[in-house]
Amino acid sequence: MPLLYLPYVPSRFEAFLLEGRHIRADVHEWLAARLPRSSRLGSRLS
């Protein structure tokens, strides 16, 4: 059976944002600014 899709692997900054429940606002903005353009979170955080 051929592979239909590649599993999603978040970048380091995406992982911090997804796992961190108590991230300060300034740190959250800093991490969000470093998300790759292809990030799934980029559209949600903008």
C-alpha atoms as a PDB file:
ATOM      1  CA  MET A   1       0.000   0.000   0.000  1.00  0.00           C
ATOM      2  CA  PRO A   2       1.500   3.390  -0.940  1.00  0.00           C
ATOM      3  CA  LEU A   3       1.985   6.083   1.673  1.00  0.00           C
ATOM      4  CA  LEU A   4      -0.907   8.551   1.419  1.00  0.00           C
ATOM      5  CA  TYR A   5       0.557  11.297   3.587  1.00  0.00           C
ATOM      6  CA  LEU A   6       3.595  12.109   5.663  1.00  0.00           C
ATOM      7  CA  PRO A   7       3.160  12.201   9.429  1.00  0.00           C
ATOM      8  CA  TYR A   8       3.161  15.712  10.878  1.00  0.00           C
ATOM      9  CA  VAL A   9       6.309  16.536  12.833  1.00  0.00           C
ATOM     10  CA  PRO A  10       6.221  19.953  14.533  1.00  0.00           C
ATOM     11  CA  SER A  11       9.267  22.188  14.551  1.00  0.00           C
ATOM     12  CA  ARG A  12      11.017  22.962  17.836  1.00  0.00           C
ATOM     13  CA  PHE A  13       9.101  26.235  18.267  1.00  0.00           C
ATOM     14  CA  GLU A  14       5.768  24.604  17.384  1.00  0.00           C
ATOM     15  CA  ALA A  15       6.442  21.897  19.960  1.00  0.00           C
ATOM     16  CA  PHE A  16       7.034  24.498  22.683  1.00  0.00           C
ATOM     17  CA  LEU A  17       3.781  26.244  21.784  1.00  0.00           C
ATOM     18  CA  LEU A  18       1.793  23.013  21.597  1.00  0.00           C
ATOM     19  CA  GLU A  19       3.154  21.569  24.852  1.00  0.00           C
ATOM     20  CA  GLY A  20       3.438  24.739  26.909  1.00  0.00           C
ATOM     21  CA  ARG A  21       0.273  25.564  28.746  1.00  0.00           C
ATOM     22  CA  HIS A  22       1.708  28.350  30.874  1.00  0.00           C
ATOM     23  CA  ILE A  23       3.806  30.401  28.468  1.00  0.00           C
ATOM     24  CA  ARG A  24       4.078  34.122  29.160  1.00  0.00           C
ATOM     25  CA  ALA A  25       2.689  36.423  26.474  1.00  0.00           C
ATOM     26  CA  ASP A  26       6.083  37.865  25.502  1.00  0.00           C
ATOM     27  CA  VAL A  27       7.615  34.390  25.158  1.00  0.00           C
ATOM     28  CA  HIS A  28       4.565  33.240  23.191  1.00  0.00           C
ATOM     29  CA  GLU A  29       5.009  36.131  20.729  1.00  0.00           C
ATOM     30  CA  TRP A  30       8.730  35.376  20.404  1.00  0.00           C
ATOM     31  CA  LEU A  31       8.041  31.709  19.644  1.00  0.00           C
ATOM     32  CA  ALA A  32       5.215  32.543  17.235  1.00  0.00           C
ATOM     33  CA  ALA A  33       7.500  34.906  15.302  1.00  0.00           C
ATOM     34  CA  ARG A  34       9.904  32.018  14.695  1.00  0.00           C
ATOM     35  CA  LEU A  35       7.392  29.543  13.300  1.00  0.00           C
ATOM     36  CA  PRO A  36       8.183  28.323   9.803  1.00  0.00           C
ATOM     37  CA  ARG A  37       6.017  29.673   6.976  1.00  0.00           C
ATOM     38  CA  SER A  38       4.622  26.196   6.377  1.00  0.00           C
ATOM     39  CA  SER A  39       3.482  25.861  10.004  1.00  0.00           C
ATOM     40  CA  ARG A  40      -0.073  24.788  10.724  1.00  0.00           C
ATOM     41  CA  LEU A  41      -0.025  27.000  13.804  1.00  0.00           C
ATOM     42  CA  GLY A  42       1.024  30.104  11.872  1.00  0.00           C
ATOM     43  CA  SER A  43      -2.451  30.754  10.497  1.00  0.00           C
ATOM     44  CA  ARG A  44      -4.087  30.179  13.892  1.00  0.00           C
ATOM     45  CA  LEU A  45      -1.801  32.526  15.811  1.00  0.00           C
ATOM     46  CA  SER A  46      -1.809  35.409  13.336  1.00  0.00           C
END
